[in-house]
PDB file of all heavy atoms in Angstrom:
ATOM      1  N   SER A   1      17.374  -5.678   9.522  1.00  0.00           N
ATOM      2  CA  SER A   1      16.403  -5.923   8.484  1.00  0.00           C
ATOM      3  C   SER A   1      16.870  -6.578   7.405  1.00  0.00           C
ATOM      4  O   SER A   1      18.226  -6.417   6.988  1.00  0.00           O
ATOM      5  CB  SER A   1      15.708  -4.531   8.068  1.00  0.00           C
ATOM      6  OG  SER A   1      14.978  -4.012   9.149  1.00  0.00           O
ATOM      7  N   LEU A   2      16.157  -7.321   6.651  1.00  0.00           N
ATOM      8  CA  LEU A   2      16.608  -7.928   5.296  1.00  0.00           C
ATOM      9  C   LEU A   2      15.322  -7.845   4.437  1.00  0.00           C
ATOM     10  O   LEU A   2      14.160  -7.816   4.837  1.00  0.00           O
ATOM     11  CB  LEU A   2      16.893  -9.343   5.501  1.00  0.00           C
ATOM     12  CG  LEU A   2      18.261  -9.771   6.020  1.00  0.00           C
ATOM     13  CD1 LEU A   2      18.424 -11.197   6.220  1.00  0.00           C
ATOM     14  CD2 LEU A   2      19.434  -9.174   5.092  1.00  0.00           C
ATOM     15  N   ARG A   3      15.491  -7.803   3.164  1.00  0.00           N
ATOM     16  CA  ARG A   3      14.416  -7.866   2.225  1.00  0.00           C
ATOM     17  C   ARG A   3      14.661  -8.993   1.188  1.00  0.00           C
ATOM     18  O   ARG A   3      15.813  -8.992   0.526  1.00  0.00           O
ATOM     19  CB  ARG A   3      14.193  -6.596   1.338  1.00  0.00           C
ATOM     20  CG  ARG A   3      12.929  -6.718   0.412  1.00  0.00           C
ATOM     21  CD  ARG A   3      12.534  -5.504  -0.254  1.00  0.00           C
ATOM     22  NE  ARG A   3      13.552  -5.352  -1.460  1.00  0.00           N
ATOM     23  CZ  ARG A   3      13.239  -4.543  -2.534  1.00  0.00           C
ATOM     24  NH1 ARG A   3      12.068  -3.919  -2.572  1.00  0.00           N
ATOM     25  NH2 ARG A   3      14.110  -4.445  -3.507  1.00  0.00           N
ATOM     26  N   LEU A   4      13.936 -10.107   1.279  1.00  0.00           N
ATOM     27  CA  LEU A   4      14.066 -11.219   0.379  1.00  0.00           C
ATOM     28  C   LEU A   4      13.322 -10.963  -0.876  1.00  0.00           C
ATOM     29  O   LEU A   4      12.181 -10.277  -0.935  1.00  0.00           O
ATOM     30  CB  LEU A   4      13.396 -12.529   0.992  1.00  0.00           C
ATOM     31  CG  LEU A   4      14.014 -12.775   2.462  1.00  0.00           C
ATOM     32  CD1 LEU A   4      13.475 -14.136   2.896  1.00  0.00           C
ATOM     33  CD2 LEU A   4      15.547 -12.836   2.370  1.00  0.00           C
ATOM     34  N   THR A   5      13.776 -11.439  -2.095  1.00  0.00           N
ATOM     35  CA  THR A   5      13.245 -11.366  -3.342  1.00  0.00           C
ATOM     36  C   THR A   5      13.033 -12.730  -3.975  1.00  0.00           C
ATOM     37  O   THR A   5      13.903 -13.608  -3.890  1.00  0.00           O
ATOM     38  CB  THR A   5      14.201 -10.551  -4.255  1.00  0.00           C
ATOM     39  OG1 THR A   5      14.213  -9.144  -3.650  1.00  0.00           O
ATOM     40  CG2 THR A   5      13.568 -10.317  -5.573  1.00  0.00           C
ATOM     41  N   CYS A   6      11.853 -12.906  -4.606  1.00  0.00           N
ATOM     42  CA  CYS A   6      11.620 -14.064  -5.317  1.00  0.00           C
ATOM     43  C   CYS A   6      11.269 -13.727  -6.729  1.00  0.00           C
ATOM     44  O   CYS A   6      10.206 -12.944  -7.013  1.00  0.00           O
ATOM     45  CB  CYS A   6      10.607 -14.858  -4.593  1.00  0.00           C
ATOM     46  SG  CYS A   6       9.949 -16.321  -5.427  1.00  0.00           S
ATOM     47  N   VAL A   7      11.933 -14.148  -7.759  1.00  0.00           N
ATOM     48  CA  VAL A   7      11.690 -14.058  -9.113  1.00  0.00           C
ATOM     49  C   VAL A   7      11.190 -15.318  -9.798  1.00  0.00           C
ATOM     50  O   VAL A   7      11.808 -16.255  -9.612  1.00  0.00           O
ATOM     51  CB  VAL A   7      12.910 -13.487  -9.929  1.00  0.00           C
ATOM     52  CG1 VAL A   7      12.514 -13.255 -11.340  1.00  0.00           C
ATOM     53  CG2 VAL A   7      13.360 -12.170  -9.157  1.00  0.00           C
ATOM     54  N   VAL A   8      10.072 -15.208 -10.400  1.00  0.00           N
ATOM     55  CA  VAL A   8       9.287 -16.417 -10.907  1.00  0.00           C
ATOM     56  C   VAL A   8       9.184 -16.329 -12.422  1.00  0.00           C
ATOM     57  O   VAL A   8       8.957 -15.230 -13.114  1.00  0.00           O
ATOM     58  CB  VAL A   8       7.946 -16.425 -10.291  1.00  0.00           C
ATOM     59  CG1 VAL A   8       7.004 -17.482 -10.940  1.00  0.00           C
ATOM     60  CG2 VAL A   8       7.953 -16.832  -8.709  1.00  0.00           C
ATOM     61  N   SER A   9       9.189 -17.531 -13.097  1.00  0.00           N
ATOM     62  CA  SER A   9       8.882 -17.589 -14.468  1.00  0.00           C
ATOM     63  C   SER A   9       8.214 -18.999 -14.685  1.00  0.00           C
ATOM     64  O   SER A   9       8.478 -19.946 -13.947  1.00  0.00           O
ATOM     65  CB  SER A   9      10.094 -17.473 -15.262  1.00  0.00           C
ATOM     66  OG  SER A   9      11.104 -18.483 -15.073  1.00  0.00           O
ATOM     67  N   GLY A  10       7.525 -19.224 -15.842  1.00  0.00           N
ATOM     68  CA  GLY A  10       6.870 -20.424 -16.207  1.00  0.00           C
ATOM     69  C   GLY A  10       5.479 -20.635 -15.955  1.00  0.00           C
ATOM     70  O   GLY A  10       4.859 -21.661 -16.377  1.00  0.00           O
ATOM     71  N   TRP A  11       4.764 -19.594 -15.321  1.00  0.00           N
ATOM     72  CA  TRP A  11       3.350 -19.554 -15.252  1.00  0.00           C
ATOM     73  C   TRP A  11       2.841 -18.076 -15.253  1.00  0.00           C
ATOM     74  O   TRP A  11       3.694 -17.153 -15.234  1.00  0.00           O
ATOM     75  CB  TRP A  11       2.809 -20.263 -14.125  1.00  0.00           C
ATOM     76  CG  TRP A  11       3.156 -19.683 -12.813  1.00  0.00           C
ATOM     77  CD1 TRP A  11       2.257 -18.773 -12.177  1.00  0.00           C
ATOM     78  CD2 TRP A  11       4.120 -20.090 -11.790  1.00  0.00           C
ATOM     79  NE1 TRP A  11       2.826 -18.383 -10.954  1.00  0.00           N
ATOM     80  CE2 TRP A  11       3.819 -19.120 -10.648  1.00  0.00           C
ATOM     81  CE3 TRP A  11       5.155 -20.815 -11.831  1.00  0.00           C
ATOM     82  CZ2 TRP A  11       4.738 -19.068  -9.531  1.00  0.00           C
ATOM     83  CZ3 TRP A  11       6.034 -20.751 -10.784  1.00  0.00           C
ATOM     84  CH2 TRP A  11       5.761 -19.974  -9.683  1.00  0.00           C
ATOM     85  N   GLU A  12       1.556 -17.981 -15.404  1.00  0.00           N
ATOM     86  CA  GLU A  12       0.932 -16.611 -15.267  1.00  0.00           C
ATOM     87  C   GLU A  12       0.905 -16.219 -13.796  1.00  0.00           C
ATOM     88  O   GLU A  12       0.014 -16.400 -13.005  1.00  0.00           O
ATOM     89  CB  GLU A  12      -0.486 -16.710 -15.789  1.00  0.00           C
ATOM     90  CG  GLU A  12      -0.596 -17.069 -17.226  1.00  0.00           C
ATOM     91  CD  GLU A  12      -0.255 -15.854 -18.186  1.00  0.00           C
ATOM     92  OE1 GLU A  12      -0.073 -14.658 -17.600  1.00  0.00           O
ATOM     93  OE2 GLU A  12      -0.113 -16.030 -19.351  1.00  0.00           O
ATOM     94  N   PHE A  13       1.945 -15.355 -13.466  1.00  0.00           N
ATOM     95  CA  PHE A  13       2.247 -15.101 -12.133  1.00  0.00           C
ATOM     96  C   PHE A  13       1.133 -14.264 -11.534  1.00  0.00           C
ATOM     97  O   PHE A  13       0.817 -14.509 -10.388  1.00  0.00           O
ATOM     98  CB  PHE A  13       3.563 -14.180 -12.155  1.00  0.00           C
ATOM     99  CG  PHE A  13       3.907 -13.694 -10.786  1.00  0.00           C
ATOM    100  CD1 PHE A  13       4.562 -14.484  -9.870  1.00  0.00           C
ATOM    101  CD2 PHE A  13       3.661 -12.376 -10.338  1.00  0.00           C
ATOM    102  CE1 PHE A  13       4.845 -14.023  -8.569  1.00  0.00           C
ATOM    103  CE2 PHE A  13       3.997 -11.904  -9.175  1.00  0.00           C
ATOM    104  CZ  PHE A  13       4.655 -12.672  -8.152  1.00  0.00           C
ATOM    105  N   ARG A  14       0.480 -13.465 -12.262  1.00  0.00           N
ATOM    106  CA  ARG A  14      -0.588 -12.493 -11.608  1.00  0.00           C
ATOM    107  C   ARG A  14      -1.843 -13.394 -11.300  1.00  0.00           C
ATOM    108  O   ARG A  14      -2.751 -12.709 -10.712  1.00  0.00           O
ATOM    109  CB  ARG A  14      -0.901 -11.448 -12.640  1.00  0.00           C
ATOM    110  CG  ARG A  14      -1.485 -11.760 -13.898  1.00  0.00           C
ATOM    111  CD  ARG A  14      -1.781 -10.554 -14.777  1.00  0.00           C
ATOM    112  NE  ARG A  14      -2.314 -11.013 -16.086  1.00  0.00           N
ATOM    113  CZ  ARG A  14      -2.596 -10.081 -17.061  1.00  0.00           C
ATOM    114  NH1 ARG A  14      -2.398  -8.722 -16.855  1.00  0.00           N
ATOM    115  NH2 ARG A  14      -3.221 -10.479 -18.136  1.00  0.00           N
ATOM    116  N   ASN A  15      -1.952 -14.619 -11.833  1.00  0.00           N
ATOM    117  CA  ASN A  15      -3.150 -15.415 -11.546  1.00  0.00           C
ATOM    118  C   ASN A  15      -3.100 -16.204 -10.232  1.00  0.00           C
ATOM    119  O   ASN A  15      -4.085 -16.893  -9.979  1.00  0.00           O
ATOM    120  CB  ASN A  15      -3.415 -16.277 -12.717  1.00  0.00           C
ATOM    121  CG  ASN A  15      -3.907 -15.557 -13.853  1.00  0.00           C
ATOM    122  OD1 ASN A  15      -4.200 -14.417 -13.878  1.00  0.00           O
ATOM    123  ND2 ASN A  15      -3.836 -16.237 -15.069  1.00  0.00           N
ATOM    124  N   TYR A  16      -1.970 -16.168  -9.407  1.00  0.00           N
ATOM    125  CA  TYR A  16      -1.754 -17.011  -8.291  1.00  0.00           C
ATOM    126  C   TYR A  16      -1.427 -16.322  -7.179  1.00  0.00           C
ATOM    127  O   TYR A  16      -0.476 -15.327  -7.226  1.00  0.00           O
ATOM    128  CB  TYR A  16      -0.749 -18.111  -8.721  1.00  0.00           C
ATOM    129  CG  TYR A  16      -1.154 -19.072  -9.682  1.00  0.00           C
ATOM    130  CD1 TYR A  16      -1.018 -18.837 -11.036  1.00  0.00           C
ATOM    131  CD2 TYR A  16      -1.802 -20.329  -9.305  1.00  0.00           C
ATOM    132  CE1 TYR A  16      -1.387 -19.813 -11.948  1.00  0.00           C
ATOM    133  CE2 TYR A  16      -2.223 -21.304 -10.209  1.00  0.00           C
ATOM    134  CZ  TYR A  16      -2.062 -20.913 -11.511  1.00  0.00           C
ATOM    135  OH  TYR A  16      -2.516 -21.969 -12.527  1.00  0.00           O
ATOM    136  N   GLY A  17      -1.925 -16.748  -5.993  1.00  0.00           N
ATOM    137  CA  GLY A  17      -1.301 -16.274  -4.668  1.00  0.00           C
ATOM    138  C   GLY A  17       0.027 -16.794  -4.581  1.00  0.00           C
ATOM    139  O   GLY A  17       0.373 -17.905  -4.950  1.00  0.00           O
ATOM    140  N   MET A  18       0.749 -15.954  -3.757  1.00  0.00           N
ATOM    141  CA  MET A  18       2.224 -16.407  -3.457  1.00  0.00           C
ATOM    142  C   MET A  18       2.469 -16.339  -1.928  1.00  0.00           C
ATOM    143  O   MET A  18       1.943 -15.461  -1.271  1.00  0.00           O
ATOM    144  CB  MET A  18       3.100 -15.671  -4.232  1.00  0.00           C
ATOM    145  CG  MET A  18       3.132 -15.628  -5.709  1.00  0.00           C
ATOM    146  SD  MET A  18       3.655 -17.287  -6.438  1.00  0.00           S
ATOM    147  CE  MET A  18       5.364 -17.239  -5.938  1.00  0.00           C
ATOM    148  N   GLY A  19       3.318 -17.208  -1.464  1.00  0.00           N
ATOM    149  CA  GLY A  19       3.669 -17.368  -0.106  1.00  0.00           C
ATOM    150  C   GLY A  19       5.207 -17.550   0.150  1.00  0.00           C
ATOM    151  O   GLY A  19       5.809 -17.854  -0.740  1.00  0.00           O
ATOM    152  N   TRP A  20       5.530 -17.065   1.343  1.00  0.00           N
ATOM    153  CA  TRP A  20       6.824 -17.353   1.767  1.00  0.00           C
ATOM    154  C   TRP A  20       6.698 -18.443   3.033  1.00  0.00           C
ATOM    155  O   TRP A  20       5.918 -18.251   3.835  1.00  0.00           O
ATOM    156  CB  TRP A  20       7.600 -16.202   2.400  1.00  0.00           C
ATOM    157  CG  TRP A  20       8.037 -15.163   1.303  1.00  0.00           C
ATOM    158  CD1 TRP A  20       7.339 -14.227   0.776  1.00  0.00           C
ATOM    159  CD2 TRP A  20       9.330 -15.203   0.651  1.00  0.00           C
ATOM    160  NE1 TRP A  20       8.112 -13.538  -0.259  1.00  0.00           N
ATOM    161  CE2 TRP A  20       9.338 -14.176  -0.155  1.00  0.00           C
ATOM    162  CE3 TRP A  20      10.495 -16.024   0.667  1.00  0.00           C
ATOM    163  CZ2 TRP A  20      10.312 -13.884  -1.118  1.00  0.00           C
ATOM    164  CZ3 TRP A  20      11.552 -15.735  -0.117  1.00  0.00           C
ATOM    165  CH2 TRP A  20      11.426 -14.732  -0.969  1.00  0.00           C
ATOM    166  N   SER A  21       7.659 -19.394   2.895  1.00  0.00           N
ATOM    167  CA  SER A  21       7.659 -20.351   3.983  1.00  0.00           C
ATOM    168  C   SER A  21       9.150 -20.339   4.591  1.00  0.00           C
ATOM    169  O   SER A  21      10.065 -19.795   3.977  1.00  0.00           O
ATOM    170  CB  SER A  21       7.385 -21.742   3.634  1.00  0.00           C
ATOM    171  OG  SER A  21       8.303 -22.249   2.793  1.00  0.00           O
ATOM    172  N   ARG A  22       9.364 -20.993   5.828  1.00  0.00           N
ATOM    173  CA  ARG A  22      10.653 -21.076   6.380  1.00  0.00           C
ATOM    174  C   ARG A  22      10.751 -22.445   7.004  1.00  0.00           C
ATOM    175  O   ARG A  22       9.769 -22.976   7.371  1.00  0.00           O
ATOM    176  CB  ARG A  22      11.050 -19.974   7.292  1.00  0.00           C
ATOM    177  CG  ARG A  22      10.182 -19.902   8.543  1.00  0.00           C
ATOM    178  CD  ARG A  22      10.569 -18.667   9.333  1.00  0.00           C
ATOM    179  NE  ARG A  22       9.864 -18.652  10.586  1.00  0.00           N
ATOM    180  CZ  ARG A  22       9.809 -17.567  11.441  1.00  0.00           C
ATOM    181  NH1 ARG A  22      10.459 -16.510  11.103  1.00  0.00           N
ATOM    182  NH2 ARG A  22       9.193 -17.680  12.557  1.00  0.00           N
ATOM    183  N   GLN A  23      12.014 -22.916   7.116  1.00  0.00           N
ATOM    184  CA  GLN A  23      12.208 -24.150   7.769  1.00  0.00           C
ATOM    185  C   GLN A  23      13.583 -23.953   8.593  1.00  0.00           C
ATOM    186  O   GLN A  23      14.519 -23.819   8.005  1.00  0.00           O
ATOM    187  CB  GLN A  23      12.384 -25.317   6.829  1.00  0.00           C
ATOM    188  CG  GLN A  23      12.384 -26.748   7.469  1.00  0.00           C
ATOM    189  CD  GLN A  23      12.121 -27.913   6.593  1.00  0.00           C
ATOM    190  OE1 GLN A  23      12.323 -27.777   5.453  1.00  0.00           O
ATOM    191  NE2 GLN A  23      11.792 -28.993   7.200  1.00  0.00           N
ATOM    192  N   ALA A  24      13.366 -24.124   9.891  1.00  0.00           N
ATOM    193  CA  ALA A  24      14.455 -24.027  10.802  1.00  0.00           C
ATOM    194  C   ALA A  24      14.993 -25.481  11.228  1.00  0.00           C
ATOM    195  O   ALA A  24      14.284 -26.409  10.983  1.00  0.00           O
ATOM    196  CB  ALA A  24      14.115 -23.376  12.097  1.00  0.00           C
ATOM    197  N   PRO A  25      16.238 -25.654  11.547  1.00  0.00           N
ATOM    198  CA  PRO A  25      16.732 -26.940  11.846  1.00  0.00           C
ATOM    199  C   PRO A  25      15.922 -27.750  12.882  1.00  0.00           C
ATOM    200  O   PRO A  25      15.479 -27.218  13.878  1.00  0.00           O
ATOM    201  CB  PRO A  25      18.173 -26.629  12.494  1.00  0.00           C
ATOM    202  CG  PRO A  25      18.486 -25.349  11.853  1.00  0.00           C
ATOM    203  CD  PRO A  25      17.250 -24.637  11.691  1.00  0.00           C
ATOM    204  N   GLY A  26      15.589 -28.861  12.563  1.00  0.00           N
ATOM    205  CA  GLY A  26      14.794 -29.782  13.467  1.00  0.00           C
ATOM    206  C   GLY A  26      13.247 -29.444  13.442  1.00  0.00           C
ATOM    207  O   GLY A  26      12.579 -29.934  14.272  1.00  0.00           O
ATOM    208  N   LYS A  27      12.808 -28.463  12.675  1.00  0.00           N
ATOM    209  CA  LYS A  27      11.432 -28.061  12.561  1.00  0.00           C
ATOM    210  C   LYS A  27      10.742 -28.239  11.259  1.00  0.00           C
ATOM    211  O   LYS A  27      11.515 -28.257  10.199  1.00  0.00           O
ATOM    212  CB  LYS A  27      11.222 -26.646  13.034  1.00  0.00           C
ATOM    213  CG  LYS A  27      11.730 -26.309  14.460  1.00  0.00           C
ATOM    214  CD  LYS A  27      11.438 -24.859  14.885  1.00  0.00           C
ATOM    215  CE  LYS A  27      11.811 -24.573  16.404  1.00  0.00           C
ATOM    216  NZ  LYS A  27      11.466 -23.231  16.646  1.00  0.00           N
ATOM    217  N   GLU A  28       9.568 -28.326  11.247  1.00  0.00           N
ATOM    218  CA  GLU A  28       8.680 -28.530  10.070  1.00  0.00           C
ATOM    219  C   GLU A  28       8.628 -27.098   9.251  1.00  0.00           C
ATOM    220  O   GLU A  28       8.715 -26.008   9.922  1.00  0.00           O
ATOM    221  CB  GLU A  28       7.314 -29.049  10.279  1.00  0.00           C
ATOM    222  CG  GLU A  28       7.386 -30.499  10.854  1.00  0.00           C
ATOM    223  CD  GLU A  28       5.945 -30.992  11.005  1.00  0.00           C
ATOM    224  OE1 GLU A  28       4.982 -30.267  10.930  1.00  0.00           O
ATOM    225  OE2 GLU A  28       5.795 -32.180  11.333  1.00  0.00           O
ATOM    226  N   ARG A  29       8.413 -27.296   8.070  1.00  0.00           N
ATOM    227  CA  ARG A  29       8.179 -26.000   7.218  1.00  0.00           C
ATOM    228  C   ARG A  29       6.961 -25.312   7.696  1.00  0.00           C
ATOM    229  O   ARG A  29       5.830 -25.748   7.952  1.00  0.00           O
ATOM    230  CB  ARG A  29       8.047 -26.292   5.763  1.00  0.00           C
ATOM    231  CG  ARG A  29       7.731 -25.144   4.829  1.00  0.00           C
ATOM    232  CD  ARG A  29       7.904 -25.569   3.447  1.00  0.00           C
ATOM    233  NE  ARG A  29       9.197 -25.911   2.922  1.00  0.00           N
ATOM    234  CZ  ARG A  29       9.652 -25.933   1.705  1.00  0.00           C
ATOM    235  NH1 ARG A  29       8.863 -25.576   0.639  1.00  0.00           N
ATOM    236  NH2 ARG A  29      10.882 -26.260   1.373  1.00  0.00           N
ATOM    237  N   GLN A  30       7.005 -23.991   7.828  1.00  0.00           N
ATOM    238  CA  GLN A  30       5.960 -23.106   8.245  1.00  0.00           C
ATOM    239  C   GLN A  30       5.823 -22.079   7.284  1.00  0.00           C
ATOM    240  O   GLN A  30       6.722 -21.264   6.964  1.00  0.00           O
ATOM    241  CB  GLN A  30       6.383 -22.490   9.725  1.00  0.00           C
ATOM    242  CG  GLN A  30       5.386 -21.577  10.256  1.00  0.00           C
ATOM    243  CD  GLN A  30       5.864 -20.838  11.393  1.00  0.00           C
ATOM    244  OE1 GLN A  30       7.109 -20.505  11.492  1.00  0.00           O
ATOM    245  NE2 GLN A  30       5.032 -20.648  12.496  1.00  0.00           N
ATOM    246  N   ILE A  31       4.483 -21.820   6.907  1.00  0.00           N
ATOM    247  CA  ILE A  31       4.198 -20.558   6.107  1.00  0.00           C
ATOM    248  C   ILE A  31       4.164 -19.376   7.022  1.00  0.00           C
ATOM    249  O   ILE A  31       3.607 -19.372   8.136  1.00  0.00           O
ATOM    250  CB  ILE A  31       2.730 -20.700   5.502  1.00  0.00           C
ATOM    251  CG1 ILE A  31       2.687 -22.025   4.605  1.00  0.00           C
ATOM    252  CG2 ILE A  31       2.331 -19.536   4.650  1.00  0.00           C
ATOM    253  CD1 ILE A  31       3.590 -21.904   3.381  1.00  0.00           C
ATOM    254  N   VAL A  32       5.016 -18.419   6.580  1.00  0.00           N
ATOM    255  CA  VAL A  32       5.002 -17.140   7.416  1.00  0.00           C
ATOM    256  C   VAL A  32       4.300 -16.064   6.760  1.00  0.00           C
ATOM    257  O   VAL A  32       3.860 -15.139   7.577  1.00  0.00           O
ATOM    258  CB  VAL A  32       6.528 -16.780   7.662  1.00  0.00           C
ATOM    259  CG1 VAL A  32       7.377 -17.753   8.457  1.00  0.00           C
ATOM    260  CG2 VAL A  32       7.246 -16.373   6.298  1.00  0.00           C
TER     261      VAL A  32
END
């Protein structure tokens, strides 16, 4: 298991939905 963390600044964080994406070698970016 792993836990990833994303810390944000520069906008009203609570007003926006947030997503995680990933990109593997040779593949397109995918929202997970």
